[in-house]
Amino acid sequence: MKATQRDFAQTAQRAAAQCTIFYFCGPDEAGASAAAQRVVELLSEAGERVEISGADLRSDPAKLGDEARSSSLFGDKRHIVVRASGDEAHDALKALIETGEAGAGEAAPVLVVATSATDKSRTAKLLEKRKDALVAMFYPPDLSSVAMSVRGMADVAGLRLTGDIAERIARSAGLDVRLAQSEVTKLALYCDASPQAPKQVSVTDLEAIGAATEDDGFAPLVNAVLSGELGKLDRELRRMRDQGMNPVGLLLAIERRAAQLAQISARLGPRGSFDDLGRGEKAQLGIFFREERDMRTQLKAWHRRKLERLGPRLIDMHRSLLTNSQAAETLLSQGLVDIARFASRR
């Protein structure tokens, strides 16, 4: 079974009831992660959550089957979430399927979020024709689609938003639906809203919970880092600290841009030029007019081999921030300086 972000909402309910393996890929890591969470919510009995890294499965493919067919400590149901890069989970999923067909027994649902992978990958090809598997591809969303998602989140939370406020939330979240959901949740708490007692949201309400404006968002720092603009970096890192930007949210914005650059680079090929892209292709790749100059600079700084090294580095940084939350800002600053220096080496 296959899906994209366009039809995932209609497919999710059926997939959660029918499938046991879910493979979420594409350059929009935020959208893929949000989709995985949505499937977990739709499972009849999600039970205990077990997280495994793709690197662990690459070194020990049998581990996935062991975990998926084990009971939780209290005998409850469980589901497995794998965060992988590329085809790291391929051999483990193949072994899980083969042992299941050989009579190894029922396995817990397995949800794989694969960065730097597409629906053309070996793993996707392994799963796409199976009735018990879902392969879902997620491209970077545009402003209007995220704003529409924000309004949907708001409806569920009991908030009434104008189109302008929904777009402001989408921009402040860097088009990341997970961060947008966080903003909507904060708004609902602040406004004491619920589906039974909906509340209208004003700009004053939005500013009161600290939602950033577009000018105060992540984009200038993301561009300084990935363009290798060391002269701007100190100022942007100072702005990050002064505004109390969320380190994980900022890193997610950089991950999204890195994935987008990888997708553009793959589309252009080794001899292609940015100027060869038509308007429709740019829209499909999520390239906004105001970002074209930054994209050109960053594509020159990050050729294919450098991008291949960047992905694992960002994944390591993400894990480090999640396990060292108290020092997240310092760790992120150090990592961003290293990446900017690497980008500056032409």
C-alpha atoms as a PDB file:
ATOM      1  CA  MET A   1       0.000   0.000   0.000  1.00  0.00           C
ATOM      2  CA  LYS A   2       1.351   3.441  -0.919  1.00  0.00           C
ATOM      3  CA  ALA A   3       0.386   6.964   0.121  1.00  0.00           C
ATOM      4  CA  THR A   4       1.616  10.558   0.015  1.00  0.00           C
ATOM      5  CA  GLN A   5       0.874  13.482   2.281  1.00  0.00           C
ATOM      6  CA  ARG A   6      -2.052  14.332  -0.005  1.00  0.00           C
ATOM      7  CA  ASP A   7      -3.967  11.130   0.650  1.00  0.00           C
ATOM      8  CA  PHE A   8      -2.450   9.961   3.929  1.00  0.00           C
ATOM      9  CA  ALA A   9      -5.308  11.345   6.030  1.00  0.00           C
ATOM     10  CA  GLN A  10      -7.789   9.245   4.053  1.00  0.00           C
ATOM     11  CA  THR A  11      -5.521   6.172   4.122  1.00  0.00           C
ATOM     12  CA  ALA A  12      -4.389   6.271   7.754  1.00  0.00           C
ATOM     13  CA  GLN A  13      -7.452   4.689   9.378  1.00  0.00           C
ATOM     14  CA  ARG A  14      -7.526   1.741   6.979  1.00  0.00           C
ATOM     15  CA  ALA A  15      -3.759   1.275   7.168  1.00  0.00           C
ATOM     16  CA  ALA A  16      -3.757   1.258  10.983  1.00  0.00           C
ATOM     17  CA  ALA A  17      -6.340  -1.539  10.948  1.00  0.00           C
ATOM     18  CA  GLN A  18      -4.803  -3.554   8.109  1.00  0.00           C
ATOM     19  CA  CYS A  19      -1.011  -3.089   8.248  1.00  0.00           C
ATOM     20  CA  THR A  20       1.709  -4.148  10.671  1.00  0.00           C
ATOM     21  CA  ILE A  21       4.666  -2.412   8.987  1.00  0.00           C
ATOM     22  CA  PHE A  22       4.680   1.319   8.232  1.00  0.00           C
ATOM     23  CA  TYR A  23       7.477   3.020   6.297  1.00  0.00           C
ATOM     24  CA  PHE A  24       7.456   6.826   6.306  1.00  0.00           C
ATOM     25  CA  CYS A  25      10.044   8.466   4.050  1.00  0.00           C
ATOM     26  CA  GLY A  26      10.752  11.548   1.969  1.00  0.00           C
ATOM     27  CA  PRO A  27      12.439  14.911   2.576  1.00  0.00           C
ATOM     28  CA  ASP A  28       9.758  16.146   4.998  1.00  0.00           C
ATOM     29  CA  GLU A  29      10.967  14.409   8.161  1.00  0.00           C
ATOM     30  CA  ALA A  30       8.543  16.421  10.275  1.00  0.00           C
ATOM     31  CA  GLY A  31       5.570  15.307   8.213  1.00  0.00           C
ATOM     32  CA  ALA A  32       6.754  11.696   8.274  1.00  0.00           C
ATOM     33  CA  SER A  33       7.138  11.757  12.062  1.00  0.00           C
ATOM     34  CA  ALA A  34       3.723  13.359  12.502  1.00  0.00           C
ATOM     35  CA  ALA A  35       2.207  10.654  10.286  1.00  0.00           C
ATOM     36  CA  ALA A  36       3.847   7.925  12.367  1.00  0.00           C
ATOM     37  CA  GLN A  37       2.392   9.455  15.521  1.00  0.00           C
ATOM     38  CA  ARG A  38      -1.030   9.623  13.884  1.00  0.00           C
ATOM     39  CA  VAL A  39      -0.889   5.887  13.092  1.00  0.00           C
ATOM     40  CA  VAL A  40       0.064   5.120  16.699  1.00  0.00           C
ATOM     41  CA  GLU A  41      -3.011   7.061  17.839  1.00  0.00           C
ATOM     42  CA  LEU A  42      -5.187   5.018  15.461  1.00  0.00           C
ATOM     43  CA  LEU A  43      -3.897   1.597  16.543  1.00  0.00           C
ATOM     44  CA  SER A  44      -6.543  -0.326  18.470  1.00  0.00           C
ATOM     45  CA  GLU A  45      -3.991  -1.186  21.159  1.00  0.00           C
ATOM     46  CA  ALA A  46      -0.749   0.737  20.803  1.00  0.00           C
ATOM     47  CA  GLY A  47       0.606  -0.335  24.174  1.00  0.00           C
ATOM     48  CA  GLU A  48       4.241   0.202  25.126  1.00  0.00           C
ATOM     49  CA  ARG A  49       6.468   2.216  22.791  1.00  0.00           C
ATOM     50  CA  VAL A  50       9.890   0.738  21.999  1.00  0.00           C
ATOM     51  CA  GLU A  51      12.373   2.905  20.082  1.00  0.00           C
ATOM     52  CA  ILE A  52      15.257   1.455  18.053  1.00  0.00           C
ATOM     53  CA  SER A  53      17.792   3.316  15.936  1.00  0.00           C
ATOM     54  CA  GLY A  54      18.477   2.395  12.348  1.00  0.00           C
ATOM     55  CA  ALA A  55      22.165   2.040  13.175  1.00  0.00           C
ATOM     56  CA  ASP A  56      21.338  -0.660  15.744  1.00  0.00           C
ATOM     57  CA  LEU A  57      19.294  -2.593  13.180  1.00  0.00           C
ATOM     58  CA  ARG A  58      21.988  -2.278  10.552  1.00  0.00           C
ATOM     59  CA  SER A  59      24.497  -3.943  12.886  1.00  0.00           C
ATOM     60  CA  ASP A  60      21.975  -6.491  14.230  1.00  0.00           C
ATOM     61  CA  PRO A  61      19.078  -7.136  11.792  1.00  0.00           C
ATOM     62  CA  ALA A  62      17.599  -9.853  14.012  1.00  0.00           C
ATOM     63  CA  LYS A  63      16.980  -7.342  16.794  1.00  0.00           C
ATOM     64  CA  LEU A  64      13.801  -6.025  15.176  1.00  0.00           C
ATOM     65  CA  GLY A  65      12.130  -9.425  15.120  1.00  0.00           C
ATOM     66  CA  ASP A  66      13.202 -10.133  18.694  1.00  0.00           C
ATOM     67  CA  GLU A  67      11.691  -6.883  19.941  1.00  0.00           C
ATOM     68  CA  ALA A  68       8.540  -7.085  17.796  1.00  0.00           C
ATOM     69  CA  ARG A  69       7.738 -10.594  19.040  1.00  0.00           C
ATOM     70  CA  SER A  70       8.581  -9.993  22.700  1.00  0.00           C
ATOM     71  CA  SER A  71       6.049  -9.064  25.364  1.00  0.00           C
ATOM     72  CA  SER A  72       6.339  -5.898  27.380  1.00  0.00           C
ATOM     73  CA  LEU A  73       7.403  -6.065  31.014  1.00  0.00           C
ATOM     74  CA  PHE A  74       3.767  -6.110  32.117  1.00  0.00           C
ATOM     75  CA  GLY A  75       2.488  -8.355  29.333  1.00  0.00           C
ATOM     76  CA  ASP A  76       0.817  -5.494  27.448  1.00  0.00           C
ATOM     77  CA  LYS A  77       0.825  -4.782  23.725  1.00  0.00           C
ATOM     78  CA  ARG A  78       3.724  -2.826  22.260  1.00  0.00           C
ATOM     79  CA  HIS A  79       4.698  -1.018  19.071  1.00  0.00           C
ATOM     80  CA  ILE A  80       8.170  -0.436  17.642  1.00  0.00           C
ATOM     81  CA  VAL A  81       9.362   2.940  16.335  1.00  0.00           C
ATOM     82  CA  VAL A  82      12.538   2.962  14.244  1.00  0.00           C
ATOM     83  CA  ARG A  83      14.346   6.151  13.264  1.00  0.00           C
ATOM     84  CA  ALA A  84      16.646   5.303  10.403  1.00  0.00           C
ATOM     85  CA  SER A  85      18.689   6.934   7.697  1.00  0.00           C
ATOM     86  CA  GLY A  86      18.294   5.646   4.162  1.00  0.00           C
ATOM     87  CA  ASP A  87      18.010   1.852   3.957  1.00  0.00           C
ATOM     88  CA  GLU A  88      19.405   1.101   7.422  1.00  0.00           C
ATOM     89  CA  ALA A  89      16.272  -0.871   8.342  1.00  0.00           C
ATOM     90  CA  HIS A  90      16.032  -2.877   5.089  1.00  0.00           C
ATOM     91  CA  ASP A  91      17.703  -6.105   6.228  1.00  0.00           C
ATOM     92  CA  ALA A  92      15.890  -6.062   9.576  1.00  0.00           C
ATOM     93  CA  LEU A  93      12.496  -5.636   7.912  1.00  0.00           C
ATOM     94  CA  LYS A  94      13.285  -8.352   5.384  1.00  0.00           C
ATOM     95  CA  ALA A  95      14.223 -10.722   8.207  1.00  0.00           C
ATOM     96  CA  LEU A  96      11.054  -9.795  10.135  1.00  0.00           C
ATOM     97  CA  ILE A  97       8.901 -10.602   7.100  1.00  0.00           C
ATOM     98  CA  GLU A  98      10.710 -13.850   6.267  1.00  0.00           C
ATOM     99  CA  THR A  99      10.575 -15.196   9.829  1.00  0.00           C
ATOM    100  CA  GLY A 100       6.899 -14.254  10.053  1.00  0.00           C
ATOM    101  CA  GLU A 101       6.126 -16.150   6.844  1.00  0.00           C
ATOM    102  CA  ALA A 102       8.066 -19.113   8.261  1.00  0.00           C
ATOM    103  CA  GLY A 103       5.736 -19.222  11.272  1.00  0.00           C
ATOM    104  CA  ALA A 104       7.625 -17.225  13.887  1.00  0.00           C
ATOM    105  CA  GLY A 105       4.382 -15.756  15.202  1.00  0.00           C
ATOM    106  CA  GLU A 106       2.582 -12.431  15.404  1.00  0.00           C
ATOM    107  CA  ALA A 107       4.729  -9.310  15.589  1.00  0.00           C
ATOM    108  CA  ALA A 108       3.992  -5.910  17.071  1.00  0.00           C
ATOM    109  CA  PRO A 109       3.391  -3.012  14.668  1.00  0.00           C
ATOM    110  CA  VAL A 110       6.643  -1.541  13.356  1.00  0.00           C
ATOM    111  CA  LEU A 111       6.801   2.109  12.301  1.00  0.00           C
ATOM    112  CA  VAL A 112       9.931   3.293  10.470  1.00  0.00           C
ATOM    113  CA  VAL A 113      10.696   6.988   9.923  1.00  0.00           C
ATOM    114  CA  ALA A 114      13.499   7.041   7.351  1.00  0.00           C
ATOM    115  CA  THR A 115      15.345  10.254   6.611  1.00  0.00           C
ATOM    116  CA  SER A 116      17.331  10.539   3.352  1.00  0.00           C
ATOM    117  CA  ALA A 117      15.096   7.844   1.806  1.00  0.00           C
ATOM    118  CA  THR A 118      12.375   7.908  -0.839  1.00  0.00           C
ATOM    119  CA  ASP A 119       9.663   5.605  -2.146  1.00  0.00           C
ATOM    120  CA  LYS A 120      12.231   4.389  -4.702  1.00  0.00           C
ATOM    121  CA  SER A 121      14.541   2.990  -2.008  1.00  0.00           C
ATOM    122  CA  ARG A 122      15.218  -0.727  -1.519  1.00  0.00           C
ATOM    123  CA  THR A 123      13.144  -0.714   1.657  1.00  0.00           C
ATOM    124  CA  ALA A 124      10.171   0.906  -0.054  1.00  0.00           C
ATOM    125  CA  LYS A 125      10.383  -1.598  -2.906  1.00  0.00           C
ATOM    126  CA  LEU A 126      10.414  -4.422  -0.350  1.00  0.00           C
ATOM    127  CA  LEU A 127       7.165  -3.227   1.217  1.00  0.00           C
ATOM    128  CA  GLU A 128       5.061  -1.314  -1.310  1.00  0.00           C
ATOM    129  CA  LYS A 129       3.206  -4.300  -2.821  1.00  0.00           C
ATOM    130  CA  ARG A 130       2.433  -5.975   0.493  1.00  0.00           C
ATOM    131  CA  LYS A 131      -1.105  -5.763   1.870  1.00  0.00           C
ATOM    132  CA  ASP A 132       0.247  -5.682   5.418  1.00  0.00           C
ATOM    133  CA  ALA A 133       2.575  -2.715   4.831  1.00  0.00           C
ATOM    134  CA  LEU A 134       2.222   0.999   4.134  1.00  0.00           C
ATOM    135  CA  VAL A 135       4.840   3.111   2.329  1.00  0.00           C
ATOM    136  CA  ALA A 136       4.138   6.839   2.690  1.00  0.00           C
ATOM    137  CA  MET A 137       6.212   9.562   1.003  1.00  0.00           C
ATOM    138  CA  PHE A 138       6.282  13.102   2.383  1.00  0.00           C
ATOM    139  CA  TYR A 139       7.540  16.163   0.498  1.00  0.00           C
ATOM    140  CA  PRO A 140       8.232  19.536   2.158  1.00  0.00           C
ATOM    141  CA  PRO A 141       4.847  21.259   2.519  1.00  0.00           C
ATOM    142  CA  ASP A 142       4.050  24.760   1.341  1.00  0.00           C
ATOM    143  CA  LEU A 143       2.654  27.555   3.487  1.00  0.00           C
ATOM    144  CA  SER A 144      -0.964  27.092   2.441  1.00  0.00           C
ATOM    145  CA  SER A 145      -1.021  23.351   3.196  1.00  0.00           C
ATOM    146  CA  VAL A 146       0.537  23.808   6.648  1.00  0.00           C
ATOM    147  CA  ALA A 147      -1.837  26.693   7.406  1.00  0.00           C
ATOM    148  CA  MET A 148      -4.726  24.403   6.468  1.00  0.00           C
ATOM    149  CA  SER A 149      -3.329  21.739   8.808  1.00  0.00           C
ATOM    150  CA  VAL A 150      -3.085  24.343  11.567  1.00  0.00           C
ATOM    151  CA  ARG A 151      -6.742  25.213  11.143  1.00  0.00           C
ATOM    152  CA  GLY A 152      -7.595  21.517  11.375  1.00  0.00           C
ATOM    153  CA  MET A 153      -5.584  21.227  14.607  1.00  0.00           C
ATOM    154  CA  ALA A 154      -7.331  24.311  15.918  1.00  0.00           C
ATOM    155  CA  ASP A 155     -10.788  22.885  15.183  1.00  0.00           C
ATOM    156  CA  VAL A 156      -9.942  19.762  17.186  1.00  0.00           C
ATOM    157  CA  ALA A 157      -8.674  21.907  20.078  1.00  0.00           C
ATOM    158  CA  GLY A 158     -11.712  24.203  20.097  1.00  0.00           C
ATOM    159  CA  LEU A 159      -9.994  27.248  18.582  1.00  0.00           C
ATOM    160  CA  ARG A 160     -11.312  29.469  15.838  1.00  0.00           C
ATOM    161  CA  LEU A 161      -8.520  30.917  13.703  1.00  0.00           C
ATOM    162  CA  THR A 162      -8.513  33.397  10.853  1.00  0.00           C
ATOM    163  CA  GLY A 163      -6.460  32.466   7.803  1.00  0.00           C
ATOM    164  CA  ASP A 164      -3.879  35.117   8.686  1.00  0.00           C
ATOM    165  CA  ILE A 165      -3.292  33.749  12.186  1.00  0.00           C
ATOM    166  CA  ALA A 166      -3.055  30.181  10.857  1.00  0.00           C
ATOM    167  CA  GLU A 167      -0.383  31.344   8.395  1.00  0.00           C
ATOM    168  CA  ARG A 168       1.529  33.154  11.149  1.00  0.00           C
ATOM    169  CA  ILE A 169       1.613  29.974  13.223  1.00  0.00           C
ATOM    170  CA  ALA A 170       2.748  27.977  10.187  1.00  0.00           C
ATOM    171  CA  ARG A 171       5.554  30.449   9.473  1.00  0.00           C
ATOM    172  CA  SER A 172       6.690  30.614  13.093  1.00  0.00           C
ATOM    173  CA  ALA A 173       6.942  26.824  13.120  1.00  0.00           C
ATOM    174  CA  GLY A 174       9.113  26.834   9.997  1.00  0.00           C
ATOM    175  CA  LEU A 175       6.363  24.832   8.224  1.00  0.00           C
ATOM    176  CA  ASP A 176       6.961  22.048  10.762  1.00  0.00           C
ATOM    177  CA  VAL A 177       3.587  20.505  11.659  1.00  0.00           C
ATOM    178  CA  ARG A 178       4.880  19.184  14.995  1.00  0.00           C
ATOM    179  CA  LEU A 179       5.935  22.633  16.178  1.00  0.00           C
ATOM    180  CA  ALA A 180       2.685  24.054  14.831  1.00  0.00           C
ATOM    181  CA  GLN A 181       0.769  21.502  16.915  1.00  0.00           C
ATOM    182  CA  SER A 182       2.725  22.667  19.972  1.00  0.00           C
ATOM    183  CA  GLU A 183       1.683  26.273  19.311  1.00  0.00           C
ATOM    184  CA  VAL A 184      -1.969  25.266  18.898  1.00  0.00           C
ATOM    185  CA  THR A 185      -1.865  23.283  22.146  1.00  0.00           C
ATOM    186  CA  LYS A 186      -0.412  26.289  24.008  1.00  0.00           C
ATOM    187  CA  LEU A 187      -3.071  28.552  22.510  1.00  0.00           C
ATOM    188  CA  ALA A 188      -5.853  26.214  23.612  1.00  0.00           C
ATOM    189  CA  LEU A 189      -4.521  26.196  27.174  1.00  0.00           C
ATOM    190  CA  TYR A 190      -4.067  29.961  27.218  1.00  0.00           C
ATOM    191  CA  CYS A 191      -7.558  30.631  25.842  1.00  0.00           C
ATOM    192  CA  ASP A 192      -9.156  27.875  27.986  1.00  0.00           C
ATOM    193  CA  ALA A 193     -10.670  26.472  24.810  1.00  0.00           C
ATOM    194  CA  SER A 194     -12.221  23.067  24.189  1.00  0.00           C
ATOM    195  CA  PRO A 195     -14.413  21.531  21.489  1.00  0.00           C
ATOM    196  CA  GLN A 196     -17.373  22.035  23.818  1.00  0.00           C
ATOM    197  CA  ALA A 197     -16.461  25.682  24.482  1.00  0.00           C
ATOM    198  CA  PRO A 198     -14.631  27.004  21.392  1.00  0.00           C
ATOM    199  CA  LYS A 199     -12.813  30.351  21.556  1.00  0.00           C
ATOM    200  CA  GLN A 200     -11.865  32.888  18.904  1.00  0.00           C
ATOM    201  CA  VAL A 201      -8.100  33.550  18.757  1.00  0.00           C
ATOM    202  CA  SER A 202      -6.796  37.090  18.362  1.00  0.00           C
ATOM    203  CA  VAL A 203      -3.340  38.351  17.394  1.00  0.00           C
ATOM    204  CA  THR A 204      -2.941  39.460  21.014  1.00  0.00           C
ATOM    205  CA  ASP A 205      -3.487  35.878  22.161  1.00  0.00           C
ATOM    206  CA  LEU A 206      -0.893  34.645  19.697  1.00  0.00           C
ATOM    207  CA  GLU A 207       1.683  37.169  20.863  1.00  0.00           C
ATOM    208  CA  ALA A 208       0.946  36.389  24.512  1.00  0.00           C
ATOM    209  CA  ILE A 209       2.076  32.769  24.211  1.00  0.00           C
ATOM    210  CA  GLY A 210       5.310  33.842  22.529  1.00  0.00           C
ATOM    211  CA  ALA A 211       4.669  32.656  19.006  1.00  0.00           C
ATOM    212  CA  ALA A 212       7.488  34.012  16.880  1.00  0.00           C
ATOM    213  CA  THR A 213       6.930  36.127  13.800  1.00  0.00           C
ATOM    214  CA  GLU A 214       8.383  35.228  10.432  1.00  0.00           C
ATOM    215  CA  ASP A 215      11.217  37.749  10.859  1.00  0.00           C
ATOM    216  CA  ASP A 216      12.048  36.279  14.270  1.00  0.00           C
ATOM    217  CA  GLY A 217      11.985  32.713  12.999  1.00  0.00           C
ATOM    218  CA  PHE A 218      14.583  30.149  12.195  1.00  0.00           C
ATOM    219  CA  ALA A 219      15.247  31.010   8.541  1.00  0.00           C
ATOM    220  CA  PRO A 220      18.101  33.554   8.964  1.00  0.00           C
ATOM    221  CA  LEU A 221      20.067  31.186  11.204  1.00  0.00           C
ATOM    222  CA  VAL A 222      19.351  28.170   8.986  1.00  0.00           C
ATOM    223  CA  ASN A 223      20.622  30.120   5.977  1.00  0.00           C
ATOM    224  CA  ALA A 224      23.724  31.396   7.778  1.00  0.00           C
ATOM    225  CA  VAL A 225      24.698  27.867   8.831  1.00  0.00           C
ATOM    226  CA  LEU A 226      24.042  26.032   5.570  1.00  0.00           C
ATOM    227  CA  SER A 227      25.462  28.835   3.413  1.00  0.00           C
ATOM    228  CA  GLY A 228      28.676  28.809   5.453  1.00  0.00           C
ATOM    229  CA  GLU A 229      28.304  32.513   6.290  1.00  0.00           C
ATOM    230  CA  LEU A 230      30.622  32.581   9.289  1.00  0.00           C
ATOM    231  CA  GLY A 231      30.467  36.376   9.482  1.00  0.00           C
ATOM    232  CA  LYS A 232      26.731  36.242  10.229  1.00  0.00           C
ATOM    233  CA  LEU A 233      26.825  33.237  12.504  1.00  0.00           C
ATOM    234  CA  ASP A 234      27.800  34.940  15.779  1.00  0.00           C
ATOM    235  CA  ARG A 235      24.944  37.422  15.442  1.00  0.00           C
ATOM    236  CA  GLU A 236      22.440  34.689  14.617  1.00  0.00           C
ATOM    237  CA  LEU A 237      23.544  32.464  17.507  1.00  0.00           C
ATOM    238  CA  ARG A 238      23.215  35.446  19.835  1.00  0.00           C
ATOM    239  CA  ARG A 239      19.692  36.035  18.498  1.00  0.00           C
ATOM    240  CA  MET A 240      18.913  32.362  19.123  1.00  0.00           C
ATOM    241  CA  ARG A 241      19.898  32.729  22.787  1.00  0.00           C
ATOM    242  CA  ASP A 242      18.216  36.120  23.264  1.00  0.00           C
ATOM    243  CA  GLN A 243      14.914  34.900  21.825  1.00  0.00           C
ATOM    244  CA  GLY A 244      15.065  31.546  23.599  1.00  0.00           C
ATOM    245  CA  MET A 245      14.588  29.564  20.417  1.00  0.00           C
ATOM    246  CA  ASN A 246      13.778  25.904  20.894  1.00  0.00           C
ATOM    247  CA  PRO A 247      17.037  24.011  20.093  1.00  0.00           C
ATOM    248  CA  VAL A 248      15.244  20.902  18.824  1.00  0.00           C
ATOM    249  CA  GLY A 249      12.858  22.989  16.738  1.00  0.00           C
ATOM    250  CA  LEU A 250      15.756  24.882  15.191  1.00  0.00           C
ATOM    251  CA  LEU A 251      17.628  21.684  14.423  1.00  0.00           C
ATOM    252  CA  LEU A 252      14.482  20.261  12.810  1.00  0.00           C
ATOM    253  CA  ALA A 253      14.366  23.324  10.535  1.00  0.00           C
ATOM    254  CA  ILE A 254      17.975  22.672   9.493  1.00  0.00           C
ATOM    255  CA  GLU A 255      17.225  18.976   8.934  1.00  0.00           C
ATOM    256  CA  ARG A 256      14.303  19.917   6.713  1.00  0.00           C
ATOM    257  CA  ARG A 257      16.434  22.273   4.625  1.00  0.00           C
ATOM    258  CA  ALA A 258      19.226  19.670   4.337  1.00  0.00           C
ATOM    259  CA  ALA A 259      16.686  17.094   3.146  1.00  0.00           C
ATOM    260  CA  GLN A 260      15.304  19.615   0.677  1.00  0.00           C
ATOM    261  CA  LEU A 261      18.796  20.319  -0.688  1.00  0.00           C
ATOM    262  CA  ALA A 262      19.362  16.584  -1.093  1.00  0.00           C
ATOM    263  CA  GLN A 263      16.123  16.267  -3.032  1.00  0.00           C
ATOM    264  CA  ILE A 264      16.983  19.212  -5.304  1.00  0.00           C
ATOM    265  CA  SER A 265      20.485  17.843  -5.863  1.00  0.00           C
ATOM    266  CA  ALA A 266      19.058  14.448  -6.817  1.00  0.00           C
ATOM    267  CA  ARG A 267      16.601  16.074  -9.231  1.00  0.00           C
ATOM    268  CA  LEU A 268      19.353  18.125 -10.908  1.00  0.00           C
ATOM    269  CA  GLY A 269      21.810  15.236 -11.208  1.00  0.00           C
ATOM    270  CA  PRO A 270      25.594  15.634 -11.486  1.00  0.00           C
ATOM    271  CA  ARG A 271      25.463  18.047 -14.439  1.00  0.00           C
ATOM    272  CA  GLY A 272      22.191  19.852 -13.850  1.00  0.00           C
ATOM    273  CA  SER A 273      21.748  23.533 -13.086  1.00  0.00           C
ATOM    274  CA  PHE A 274      19.368  25.324 -10.746  1.00  0.00           C
ATOM    275  CA  ASP A 275      18.345  27.443 -13.743  1.00  0.00           C
ATOM    276  CA  ASP A 276      17.037  24.292 -15.461  1.00  0.00           C
ATOM    277  CA  LEU A 277      14.198  24.011 -12.939  1.00  0.00           C
ATOM    278  CA  GLY A 278      10.847  25.236 -14.183  1.00  0.00           C
ATOM    279  CA  ARG A 279       8.266  27.000 -12.051  1.00  0.00           C
ATOM    280  CA  GLY A 280       6.271  23.816 -11.540  1.00  0.00           C
ATOM    281  CA  GLU A 281       9.361  21.849 -10.501  1.00  0.00           C
ATOM    282  CA  LYS A 282      10.326  24.557  -8.013  1.00  0.00           C
ATOM    283  CA  ALA A 283       6.859  24.439  -6.508  1.00  0.00           C
ATOM    284  CA  GLN A 284       7.045  20.651  -6.243  1.00  0.00           C
ATOM    285  CA  LEU A 285      10.442  20.937  -4.543  1.00  0.00           C
ATOM    286  CA  GLY A 286       9.139  23.550  -2.087  1.00  0.00           C
ATOM    287  CA  ILE A 287      11.356  26.389  -3.364  1.00  0.00           C
ATOM    288  CA  PHE A 288       9.767  29.745  -2.546  1.00  0.00           C
ATOM    289  CA  PHE A 289      10.745  32.769  -4.645  1.00  0.00           C
ATOM    290  CA  ARG A 290      12.268  34.602  -1.677  1.00  0.00           C
ATOM    291  CA  GLU A 291      14.468  31.580  -0.896  1.00  0.00           C
ATOM    292  CA  GLU A 292      15.953  31.026  -4.341  1.00  0.00           C
ATOM    293  CA  ARG A 293      19.131  33.030  -3.725  1.00  0.00           C
ATOM    294  CA  ASP A 294      19.852  31.155  -0.485  1.00  0.00           C
ATOM    295  CA  MET A 295      19.126  27.815  -2.188  1.00  0.00           C
ATOM    296  CA  ARG A 296      21.602  28.583  -4.982  1.00  0.00           C
ATOM    297  CA  THR A 297      24.310  29.426  -2.463  1.00  0.00           C
ATOM    298  CA  GLN A 298      23.650  26.329  -0.390  1.00  0.00           C
ATOM    299  CA  LEU A 299      23.601  23.961  -3.380  1.00  0.00           C
ATOM    300  CA  LYS A 300      27.062  25.253  -4.320  1.00  0.00           C
ATOM    301  CA  ALA A 301      28.271  24.711  -0.753  1.00  0.00           C
ATOM    302  CA  TRP A 302      26.810  21.218  -0.435  1.00  0.00           C
ATOM    303  CA  HIS A 303      27.590  18.868  -3.276  1.00  0.00           C
ATOM    304  CA  ARG A 304      26.277  15.293  -3.126  1.00  0.00           C
ATOM    305  CA  ARG A 305      29.104  13.775  -1.066  1.00  0.00           C
ATOM    306  CA  LYS A 306      29.021  16.590   1.475  1.00  0.00           C
ATOM    307  CA  LEU A 307      25.242  16.182   1.814  1.00  0.00           C
ATOM    308  CA  GLU A 308      25.716  12.466   2.453  1.00  0.00           C
ATOM    309  CA  ARG A 309      27.979  13.357   5.374  1.00  0.00           C
ATOM    310  CA  LEU A 310      25.636  16.054   6.657  1.00  0.00           C
ATOM    311  CA  GLY A 311      22.632  13.757   7.178  1.00  0.00           C
ATOM    312  CA  PRO A 312      24.255  11.415   9.733  1.00  0.00           C
ATOM    313  CA  ARG A 313      25.830  14.410  11.487  1.00  0.00           C
ATOM    314  CA  LEU A 314      22.409  16.028  11.979  1.00  0.00           C
ATOM    315  CA  ILE A 315      20.937  12.750  13.242  1.00  0.00           C
ATOM    316  CA  ASP A 316      23.737  12.456  15.818  1.00  0.00           C
ATOM    317  CA  MET A 317      23.132  16.046  16.918  1.00  0.00           C
ATOM    318  CA  HIS A 318      19.404  15.372  17.270  1.00  0.00           C
ATOM    319  CA  ARG A 319      20.013  12.361  19.500  1.00  0.00           C
ATOM    320  CA  SER A 320      22.493  14.358  21.565  1.00  0.00           C
ATOM    321  CA  LEU A 321      19.991  17.191  22.143  1.00  0.00           C
ATOM    322  CA  LEU A 322      17.262  14.779  23.197  1.00  0.00           C
ATOM    323  CA  THR A 323      19.515  12.987  25.682  1.00  0.00           C
ATOM    324  CA  ASN A 324      21.188  16.144  27.055  1.00  0.00           C
ATOM    325  CA  SER A 325      18.320  18.615  27.235  1.00  0.00           C
ATOM    326  CA  GLN A 326      19.961  20.772  29.916  1.00  0.00           C
ATOM    327  CA  ALA A 327      22.931  21.497  27.648  1.00  0.00           C
ATOM    328  CA  ALA A 328      20.948  21.499  24.383  1.00  0.00           C
ATOM    329  CA  GLU A 329      21.603  25.143  23.507  1.00  0.00           C
ATOM    330  CA  THR A 330      25.372  24.823  23.998  1.00  0.00           C
ATOM    331  CA  LEU A 331      25.563  21.529  22.103  1.00  0.00           C
ATOM    332  CA  LEU A 332      23.528  22.961  19.239  1.00  0.00           C
ATOM    333  CA  SER A 333      25.694  26.098  19.005  1.00  0.00           C
ATOM    334  CA  GLN A 334      28.870  24.021  18.815  1.00  0.00           C
ATOM    335  CA  GLY A 335      27.377  21.727  16.184  1.00  0.00           C
ATOM    336  CA  LEU A 336      26.114  24.603  14.038  1.00  0.00           C
ATOM    337  CA  VAL A 337      29.529  26.280  14.062  1.00  0.00           C
ATOM    338  CA  ASP A 338      31.119  23.028  12.858  1.00  0.00           C
ATOM    339  CA  ILE A 339      28.548  22.655  10.069  1.00  0.00           C
ATOM    340  CA  ALA A 340      28.952  26.285   8.952  1.00  0.00           C
ATOM    341  CA  ARG A 341      32.727  25.876   8.800  1.00  0.00           C
ATOM    342  CA  PHE A 342      32.326  22.719   6.741  1.00  0.00           C
ATOM    343  CA  ALA A 343      29.912  24.535   4.392  1.00  0.00           C
ATOM    344  CA  SER A 344      32.370  27.402   3.940  1.00  0.00           C
ATOM    345  CA  ARG A 345      34.999  25.054   2.445  1.00  0.00           C
ATOM    346  CA  ARG A 346      34.207  25.220  -1.229  1.00  0.00           C
END
